[in-house]
Amino acid sequence: MAVGVKVRNNEDIDRALKRFRRQVNRSRVLQEYRQNMTYMKPSEEKRLEEKRSRRRRHRQRKRGDNRKRK
Protein backbone atom coordinates (compact mmCIF):
# COMPACT_ATOMS: atom_id res chain seq x y z
CA MET A 1 0.00 0.00 0.00
CA ALA A 2 1.90 2.96 -1.24
CA VAL A 3 0.43 6.33 -0.39
CA GLY A 4 1.95 9.39 -1.96
CA VAL A 5 1.17 12.96 -2.89
CA LYS A 6 2.74 15.05 -5.61
CA VAL A 7 3.11 18.71 -4.71
CA ARG A 8 1.29 20.78 -7.31
CA ASN A 9 2.61 24.00 -8.83
CA ASN A 10 2.41 26.92 -6.41
CA GLU A 11 0.95 24.65 -3.71
CA ASP A 12 1.80 25.33 -0.12
CA ILE A 13 3.67 22.46 1.55
CA ASP A 14 1.20 22.51 4.45
CA ARG A 15 -1.65 21.95 2.02
CA ALA A 16 0.15 19.00 0.42
CA LEU A 17 0.87 17.55 3.85
CA LYS A 18 -2.81 17.85 4.74
CA ARG A 19 -3.75 15.95 1.56
CA PHE A 20 -1.19 13.28 2.40
CA ARG A 21 -2.54 12.82 5.93
CA ARG A 22 -6.07 12.57 4.57
CA GLN A 23 -5.02 9.86 2.11
CA VAL A 24 -3.23 7.91 4.83
CA ASN A 25 -6.33 8.04 7.04
CA ARG A 26 -8.60 6.91 4.21
CA SER A 27 -6.33 4.02 3.26
CA ARG A 28 -6.21 2.86 6.91
CA VAL A 29 -2.49 2.16 6.70
CA LEU A 30 -1.80 3.34 10.24
CA GLN A 31 -4.77 1.44 11.63
CA GLU A 32 -3.47 -1.81 10.15
CA TYR A 33 0.03 -1.05 11.38
CA ARG A 34 -1.12 -0.46 14.95
CA GLN A 35 -3.31 -3.54 14.85
CA ASN A 36 -0.38 -5.71 13.76
CA MET A 37 1.98 -4.26 16.37
CA THR A 38 0.76 -6.68 19.03
CA TYR A 39 -0.20 -10.31 18.80
CA MET A 40 -3.73 -11.20 19.76
CA LYS A 41 -4.68 -14.80 20.40
CA PRO A 42 -7.44 -16.14 18.16
CA SER A 43 -9.70 -16.61 21.19
CA GLU A 44 -9.23 -12.95 22.13
CA GLU A 45 -10.02 -11.86 18.58
CA LYS A 46 -13.19 -13.94 18.62
CA ARG A 47 -14.25 -12.53 21.99
CA LEU A 48 -13.60 -8.97 20.83
CA GLU A 49 -15.56 -9.49 17.61
CA GLU A 50 -18.50 -10.94 19.58
CA LYS A 51 -18.42 -7.92 21.88
CA ARG A 52 -18.44 -5.54 18.91
CA SER A 53 -21.29 -7.49 17.36
CA ARG A 54 -23.37 -7.29 20.55
CA ARG A 55 -22.81 -3.54 20.78
CA ARG A 56 -23.70 -3.09 17.11
CA ARG A 57 -26.94 -5.09 17.51
CA HIS A 58 -27.82 -3.14 20.66
CA ARG A 59 -27.36 0.19 18.89
CA GLN A 60 -29.43 -0.98 15.93
CA ARG A 61 -32.26 -2.08 18.21
CA LYS A 62 -32.09 1.18 20.09
CA ARG A 63 -32.38 3.12 16.82
CA GLY A 64 -35.15 0.85 15.59
CA ASP A 65 -33.09 -0.22 12.62
CA ASN A 66 -34.05 -3.86 12.07
CA ARG A 67 -32.80 -4.38 8.53
CA LYS A 68 -29.92 -6.76 7.94
CA ARG A 69 -26.54 -5.41 6.89
CA LYS A 70 -23.99 -7.01 4.59
PDB file of N, CA and C in Angstrom:
ATOM      1  N   MET A   1       0.825  -1.180   0.000  1.00  0.00           N
ATOM      2  CA  MET A   1       0.000   0.000   0.000  1.00  0.00           C
ATOM      3  C   MET A   1       0.870   1.244   0.000  1.00  0.00           C
ATOM      4  N   ALA A   2       1.109   1.749  -1.154  1.00  0.00           N
ATOM      5  CA  ALA A   2       1.898   2.964  -1.244  1.00  0.00           C
ATOM      6  C   ALA A   2       0.965   4.165  -1.303  1.00  0.00           C
ATOM      7  N   VAL A   3       1.209   5.102  -0.423  1.00  0.00           N
ATOM      8  CA  VAL A   3       0.426   6.331  -0.394  1.00  0.00           C
ATOM      9  C   VAL A   3       1.390   7.469  -0.658  1.00  0.00           C
ATOM     10  N   GLY A   4       1.069   8.280  -1.642  1.00  0.00           N
ATOM     11  CA  GLY A   4       1.949   9.389  -1.965  1.00  0.00           C
ATOM     12  C   GLY A   4       1.173  10.567  -2.508  1.00  0.00           C
ATOM     13  N   VAL A   5       1.789  11.723  -2.407  1.00  0.00           N
ATOM     14  CA  VAL A   5       1.174  12.956  -2.887  1.00  0.00           C
ATOM     15  C   VAL A   5       2.223  13.735  -3.660  1.00  0.00           C
ATOM     16  N   LYS A   6       1.852  14.189  -4.844  1.00  0.00           N
ATOM     17  CA  LYS A   6       2.742  15.052  -5.612  1.00  0.00           C
ATOM     18  C   LYS A   6       2.361  16.490  -5.314  1.00  0.00           C
ATOM     19  N   VAL A   7       3.352  17.295  -5.003  1.00  0.00           N
ATOM     20  CA  VAL A   7       3.106  18.706  -4.707  1.00  0.00           C
ATOM     21  C   VAL A   7       2.834  19.416  -6.023  1.00  0.00           C
ATOM     22  N   ARG A   8       1.703  20.078  -6.095  1.00  0.00           N
ATOM     23  CA  ARG A   8       1.293  20.784  -7.307  1.00  0.00           C
ATOM     24  C   ARG A   8       2.039  22.111  -7.427  1.00  0.00           C
ATOM     25  N   ASN A   9       1.973  22.691  -8.607  1.00  0.00           N
ATOM     26  CA  ASN A   9       2.610  23.998  -8.829  1.00  0.00           C
ATOM     27  C   ASN A   9       1.992  25.041  -7.912  1.00  0.00           C
ATOM     28  N   ASN A  10       2.840  25.831  -7.298  1.00  0.00           N
ATOM     29  CA  ASN A  10       2.412  26.917  -6.405  1.00  0.00           C
ATOM     30  C   ASN A  10       1.551  26.434  -5.238  1.00  0.00           C
ATOM     31  N   GLU A  11       1.719  25.169  -4.846  1.00  0.00           N
ATOM     32  CA  GLU A  11       0.949  24.649  -3.713  1.00  0.00           C
ATOM     33  C   GLU A  11       1.783  24.766  -2.445  1.00  0.00           C
ATOM     34  N   ASP A  12       1.154  25.211  -1.414  1.00  0.00           N
ATOM     35  CA  ASP A  12       1.805  25.330  -0.121  1.00  0.00           C
ATOM     36  C   ASP A  12       2.114  23.930   0.408  1.00  0.00           C
ATOM     37  N   ILE A  13       3.264  23.763   1.031  1.00  0.00           N
ATOM     38  CA  ILE A  13       3.667  22.459   1.546  1.00  0.00           C
ATOM     39  C   ILE A  13       2.712  21.971   2.639  1.00  0.00           C
ATOM     40  N   ASP A  14       2.162  22.895   3.409  1.00  0.00           N
ATOM     41  CA  ASP A  14       1.203  22.509   4.449  1.00  0.00           C
ATOM     42  C   ASP A  14      -0.055  21.906   3.830  1.00  0.00           C
ATOM     43  N   ARG A  15      -0.466  22.457   2.712  1.00  0.00           N
ATOM     44  CA  ARG A  15      -1.655  21.950   2.015  1.00  0.00           C
ATOM     45  C   ARG A  15      -1.398  20.535   1.495  1.00  0.00           C
ATOM     46  N   ALA A  16      -0.214  20.317   0.926  1.00  0.00           N
ATOM     47  CA  ALA A  16       0.146  18.995   0.419  1.00  0.00           C
ATOM     48  C   ALA A  16       0.237  17.993   1.564  1.00  0.00           C
ATOM     49  N   LEU A  17       0.778  18.426   2.691  1.00  0.00           N
ATOM     50  CA  LEU A  17       0.875  17.554   3.854  1.00  0.00           C
ATOM     51  C   LEU A  17      -0.511  17.175   4.362  1.00  0.00           C
ATOM     52  N   LYS A  18      -1.434  18.111   4.323  1.00  0.00           N
ATOM     53  CA  LYS A  18      -2.811  17.847   4.744  1.00  0.00           C
ATOM     54  C   LYS A  18      -3.457  16.811   3.821  1.00  0.00           C
ATOM     55  N   ARG A  19      -3.218  16.939   2.505  1.00  0.00           N
ATOM     56  CA  ARG A  19      -3.754  15.954   1.560  1.00  0.00           C
ATOM     57  C   ARG A  19      -3.161  14.577   1.818  1.00  0.00           C
ATOM     58  N   PHE A  20      -1.855  14.544   2.118  1.00  0.00           N
ATOM     59  CA  PHE A  20      -1.188  13.276   2.403  1.00  0.00           C
ATOM     60  C   PHE A  20      -1.787  12.611   3.635  1.00  0.00           C
ATOM     61  N   ARG A  21      -1.963  13.370   4.697  1.00  0.00           N
ATOM     62  CA  ARG A  21      -2.544  12.816   5.926  1.00  0.00           C
ATOM     63  C   ARG A  21      -3.941  12.274   5.678  1.00  0.00           C
ATOM     64  N   ARG A  22      -4.713  13.001   4.887  1.00  0.00           N
ATOM     65  CA  ARG A  22      -6.073  12.567   4.573  1.00  0.00           C
ATOM     66  C   ARG A  22      -6.051  11.239   3.817  1.00  0.00           C
ATOM     67  N   GLN A  23      -5.132  11.104   2.865  1.00  0.00           N
ATOM     68  CA  GLN A  23      -5.023   9.857   2.107  1.00  0.00           C
ATOM     69  C   GLN A  23      -4.593   8.704   3.000  1.00  0.00           C
ATOM     70  N   VAL A  24      -3.678   8.953   3.912  1.00  0.00           N
ATOM     71  CA  VAL A  24      -3.228   7.909   4.834  1.00  0.00           C
ATOM     72  C   VAL A  24      -4.389   7.453   5.705  1.00  0.00           C
ATOM     73  N   ASN A  25      -5.181   8.401   6.206  1.00  0.00           N
ATOM     74  CA  ASN A  25      -6.328   8.037   7.036  1.00  0.00           C
ATOM     75  C   ASN A  25      -7.349   7.232   6.253  1.00  0.00           C
ATOM     76  N   ARG A  26      -7.616   7.622   5.030  1.00  0.00           N
ATOM     77  CA  ARG A  26      -8.600   6.911   4.209  1.00  0.00           C
ATOM     78  C   ARG A  26      -8.135   5.514   3.836  1.00  0.00           C
ATOM     79  N   SER A  27      -6.843   5.335   3.641  1.00  0.00           N
ATOM     80  CA  SER A  27      -6.330   4.021   3.258  1.00  0.00           C
ATOM     81  C   SER A  27      -6.163   3.099   4.460  1.00  0.00           C
ATOM     82  N   ARG A  28      -6.288   3.623   5.653  1.00  0.00           N
ATOM     83  CA  ARG A  28      -6.208   2.861   6.910  1.00  0.00           C
ATOM     84  C   ARG A  28      -4.863   2.165   7.104  1.00  0.00           C
ATOM     85  N   VAL A  29      -3.821   2.732   6.569  1.00  0.00           N
ATOM     86  CA  VAL A  29      -2.486   2.157   6.700  1.00  0.00           C
ATOM     87  C   VAL A  29      -2.059   2.141   8.164  1.00  0.00           C
ATOM     88  N   LEU A  30      -2.220   3.262   8.843  1.00  0.00           N
ATOM     89  CA  LEU A  30      -1.800   3.336  10.241  1.00  0.00           C
ATOM     90  C   LEU A  30      -2.629   2.428  11.131  1.00  0.00           C
ATOM     91  N   GLN A  31      -3.911   2.308  10.825  1.00  0.00           N
ATOM     92  CA  GLN A  31      -4.772   1.444  11.630  1.00  0.00           C
ATOM     93  C   GLN A  31      -4.298  -0.008  11.531  1.00  0.00           C
ATOM     94  N   GLU A  32      -3.980  -0.459  10.326  1.00  0.00           N
ATOM     95  CA  GLU A  32      -3.470  -1.815  10.149  1.00  0.00           C
ATOM     96  C   GLU A  32      -2.126  -1.982  10.850  1.00  0.00           C
ATOM     97  N   TYR A  33      -1.280  -0.984  10.745  1.00  0.00           N
ATOM     98  CA  TYR A  33       0.035  -1.046  11.382  1.00  0.00           C
ATOM     99  C   TYR A  33      -0.106  -1.208  12.890  1.00  0.00           C
ATOM    100  N   ARG A  34      -0.934  -0.383  13.498  1.00  0.00           N
ATOM    101  CA  ARG A  34      -1.124  -0.459  14.947  1.00  0.00           C
ATOM    102  C   ARG A  34      -1.750  -1.778  15.360  1.00  0.00           C
ATOM    103  N   GLN A  35      -2.650  -2.281  14.536  1.00  0.00           N
ATOM    104  CA  GLN A  35      -3.311  -3.538  14.846  1.00  0.00           C
ATOM    105  C   GLN A  35      -2.313  -4.696  14.807  1.00  0.00           C
ATOM    106  N   ASN A  36      -1.352  -4.630  13.902  1.00  0.00           N
ATOM    107  CA  ASN A  36      -0.378  -5.707  13.763  1.00  0.00           C
ATOM    108  C   ASN A  36       0.823  -5.550  14.688  1.00  0.00           C
ATOM    109  N   MET A  37       0.864  -4.479  15.460  1.00  0.00           N
ATOM    110  CA  MET A  37       1.984  -4.262  16.375  1.00  0.00           C
ATOM    111  C   MET A  37       2.001  -5.299  17.495  1.00  0.00           C
ATOM    112  N   THR A  38       0.831  -5.722  17.934  1.00  0.00           N
ATOM    113  CA  THR A  38       0.760  -6.678  19.033  1.00  0.00           C
ATOM    114  C   THR A  38       0.051  -7.937  18.563  1.00  0.00           C
ATOM    115  N   TYR A  39       0.441  -9.050  19.137  1.00  0.00           N
ATOM    116  CA  TYR A  39      -0.196 -10.312  18.795  1.00  0.00           C
ATOM    117  C   TYR A  39      -1.435 -10.493  19.657  1.00  0.00           C
ATOM    118  N   MET A  40      -2.517 -10.911  19.022  1.00  0.00           N
ATOM    119  CA  MET A  40      -3.735 -11.199  19.759  1.00  0.00           C
ATOM    120  C   MET A  40      -4.106 -12.653  19.480  1.00  0.00           C
ATOM    121  N   LYS A  41      -4.328 -13.396  20.554  1.00  0.00           N
ATOM    122  CA  LYS A  41      -4.682 -14.795  20.397  1.00  0.00           C
ATOM    123  C   LYS A  41      -6.010 -14.898  19.652  1.00  0.00           C
ATOM    124  N   PRO A  42      -6.190 -15.970  18.895  1.00  0.00           N
ATOM    125  CA  PRO A  42      -7.444 -16.138  18.158  1.00  0.00           C
ATOM    126  C   PRO A  42      -8.672 -16.100  19.064  1.00  0.00           C
ATOM    127  N   SER A  43      -8.550 -16.640  20.274  1.00  0.00           N
ATOM    128  CA  SER A  43      -9.696 -16.613  21.189  1.00  0.00           C
ATOM    129  C   SER A  43     -10.020 -15.182  21.613  1.00  0.00           C
ATOM    130  N   GLU A  44      -8.995 -14.355  21.780  1.00  0.00           N
ATOM    131  CA  GLU A  44      -9.225 -12.953  22.133  1.00  0.00           C
ATOM    132  C   GLU A  44      -9.873 -12.206  20.978  1.00  0.00           C
ATOM    133  N   GLU A  45      -9.421 -12.493  19.748  1.00  0.00           N
ATOM    134  CA  GLU A  45     -10.019 -11.857  18.576  1.00  0.00           C
ATOM    135  C   GLU A  45     -11.495 -12.214  18.472  1.00  0.00           C
ATOM    136  N   LYS A  46     -11.806 -13.483  18.700  1.00  0.00           N
ATOM    137  CA  LYS A  46     -13.189 -13.937  18.624  1.00  0.00           C
ATOM    138  C   LYS A  46     -14.039 -13.253  19.690  1.00  0.00           C
ATOM    139  N   ARG A  47     -13.522 -13.173  20.901  1.00  0.00           N
ATOM    140  CA  ARG A  47     -14.249 -12.531  21.995  1.00  0.00           C
ATOM    141  C   ARG A  47     -14.488 -11.047  21.689  1.00  0.00           C
ATOM    142  N   LEU A  48     -13.474 -10.376  21.172  1.00  0.00           N
ATOM    143  CA  LEU A  48     -13.598  -8.965  20.834  1.00  0.00           C
ATOM    144  C   LEU A  48     -14.625  -8.750  19.718  1.00  0.00           C
ATOM    145  N   GLU A  49     -14.600  -9.611  18.708  1.00  0.00           N
ATOM    146  CA  GLU A  49     -15.565  -9.489  17.613  1.00  0.00           C
ATOM    147  C   GLU A  49     -16.986  -9.741  18.102  1.00  0.00           C
ATOM    148  N   GLU A  50     -17.171 -10.694  19.012  1.00  0.00           N
ATOM    149  CA  GLU A  50     -18.501 -10.944  19.577  1.00  0.00           C
ATOM    150  C   GLU A  50     -18.979  -9.735  20.373  1.00  0.00           C
ATOM    151  N   LYS A  51     -18.071  -9.116  21.110  1.00  0.00           N
ATOM    152  CA  LYS A  51     -18.422  -7.925  21.885  1.00  0.00           C
ATOM    153  C   LYS A  51     -18.842  -6.791  20.956  1.00  0.00           C
ATOM    154  N   ARG A  52     -18.089  -6.584  19.886  1.00  0.00           N
ATOM    155  CA  ARG A  52     -18.437  -5.544  18.912  1.00  0.00           C
ATOM    156  C   ARG A  52     -19.790  -5.829  18.272  1.00  0.00           C
ATOM    157  N   SER A  53     -20.029  -7.099  17.980  1.00  0.00           N
ATOM    158  CA  SER A  53     -21.287  -7.491  17.363  1.00  0.00           C
ATOM    159  C   SER A  53     -22.465  -7.222  18.295  1.00  0.00           C
ATOM    160  N   ARG A  54     -22.304  -7.549  19.574  1.00  0.00           N
ATOM    161  CA  ARG A  54     -23.368  -7.288  20.548  1.00  0.00           C
ATOM    162  C   ARG A  54     -23.660  -5.800  20.640  1.00  0.00           C
ATOM    163  N   ARG A  55     -22.621  -4.994  20.693  1.00  0.00           N
ATOM    164  CA  ARG A  55     -22.810  -3.540  20.781  1.00  0.00           C
ATOM    165  C   ARG A  55     -23.504  -3.003  19.527  1.00  0.00           C
ATOM    166  N   ARG A  56     -23.098  -3.528  18.373  1.00  0.00           N
ATOM    167  CA  ARG A  56     -23.698  -3.095  17.114  1.00  0.00           C
ATOM    168  C   ARG A  56     -25.191  -3.441  17.075  1.00  0.00           C
ATOM    169  N   ARG A  57     -25.528  -4.679  17.478  1.00  0.00           N
ATOM    170  CA  ARG A  57     -26.940  -5.087  17.506  1.00  0.00           C
ATOM    171  C   ARG A  57     -27.732  -4.244  18.490  1.00  0.00           C
ATOM    172  N   HIS A  58     -27.139  -3.953  19.645  1.00  0.00           N
ATOM    173  CA  HIS A  58     -27.817  -3.144  20.660  1.00  0.00           C
ATOM    174  C   HIS A  58     -28.123  -1.748  20.117  1.00  0.00           C
ATOM    175  N   ARG A  59     -27.148  -1.142  19.459  1.00  0.00           N
ATOM    176  CA  ARG A  59     -27.357   0.191  18.892  1.00  0.00           C
ATOM    177  C   ARG A  59     -28.425   0.175  17.798  1.00  0.00           C
ATOM    178  N   GLN A  60     -28.429  -0.889  16.987  1.00  0.00           N
ATOM    179  CA  GLN A  60     -29.431  -0.984  15.927  1.00  0.00           C
ATOM    180  C   GLN A  60     -30.829  -1.123  16.517  1.00  0.00           C
ATOM    181  N   ARG A  61     -30.961  -1.935  17.560  1.00  0.00           N
ATOM    182  CA  ARG A  61     -32.262  -2.084  18.211  1.00  0.00           C
ATOM    183  C   ARG A  61     -32.706  -0.783  18.844  1.00  0.00           C
ATOM    184  N   LYS A  62     -31.766  -0.082  19.437  1.00  0.00           N
ATOM    185  CA  LYS A  62     -32.087   1.182  20.088  1.00  0.00           C
ATOM    186  C   LYS A  62     -32.578   2.207  19.070  1.00  0.00           C
ATOM    187  N   ARG A  63     -31.984   2.209  17.888  1.00  0.00           N
ATOM    188  CA  ARG A  63     -32.384   3.121  16.824  1.00  0.00           C
ATOM    189  C   ARG A  63     -33.658   2.663  16.136  1.00  0.00           C
ATOM    190  N   GLY A  64     -33.989   1.391  16.284  1.00  0.00           N
ATOM    191  CA  GLY A  64     -35.147   0.852  15.588  1.00  0.00           C
ATOM    192  C   GLY A  64     -34.813   0.419  14.181  1.00  0.00           C
ATOM    193  N   ASP A  65     -33.558   0.185  13.937  1.00  0.00           N
ATOM    194  CA  ASP A  65     -33.088  -0.222  12.621  1.00  0.00           C
ATOM    195  C   ASP A  65     -33.003  -1.745  12.602  1.00  0.00           C
ATOM    196  N   ASN A  66     -33.989  -2.406  12.024  1.00  0.00           N
ATOM    197  CA  ASN A  66     -34.048  -3.864  12.065  1.00  0.00           C
ATOM    198  C   ASN A  66     -33.599  -4.532  10.778  1.00  0.00           C
ATOM    199  N   ARG A  67     -33.198  -3.759   9.784  1.00  0.00           N
ATOM    200  CA  ARG A  67     -32.795  -4.376   8.528  1.00  0.00           C
ATOM    201  C   ARG A  67     -31.418  -5.008   8.664  1.00  0.00           C
ATOM    202  N   LYS A  68     -31.193  -6.047   7.888  1.00  0.00           N
ATOM    203  CA  LYS A  68     -29.923  -6.763   7.941  1.00  0.00           C
ATOM    204  C   LYS A  68     -28.886  -6.030   7.118  1.00  0.00           C
ATOM    205  N   ARG A  69     -27.666  -6.063   7.575  1.00  0.00           N
ATOM    206  CA  ARG A  69     -26.544  -5.412   6.889  1.00  0.00           C
ATOM    207  C   ARG A  69     -25.677  -6.479   6.246  1.00  0.00           C
ATOM    208  N   LYS A  70     -24.910  -6.083   5.259  1.00  0.00           N
ATOM    209  CA  LYS A  70     -23.989  -7.011   4.588  1.00  0.00           C
ATOM    210  C   LYS A  70     -22.805  -7.290   5.449  1.00  0.00           C
TER     211      LYS A  70
END
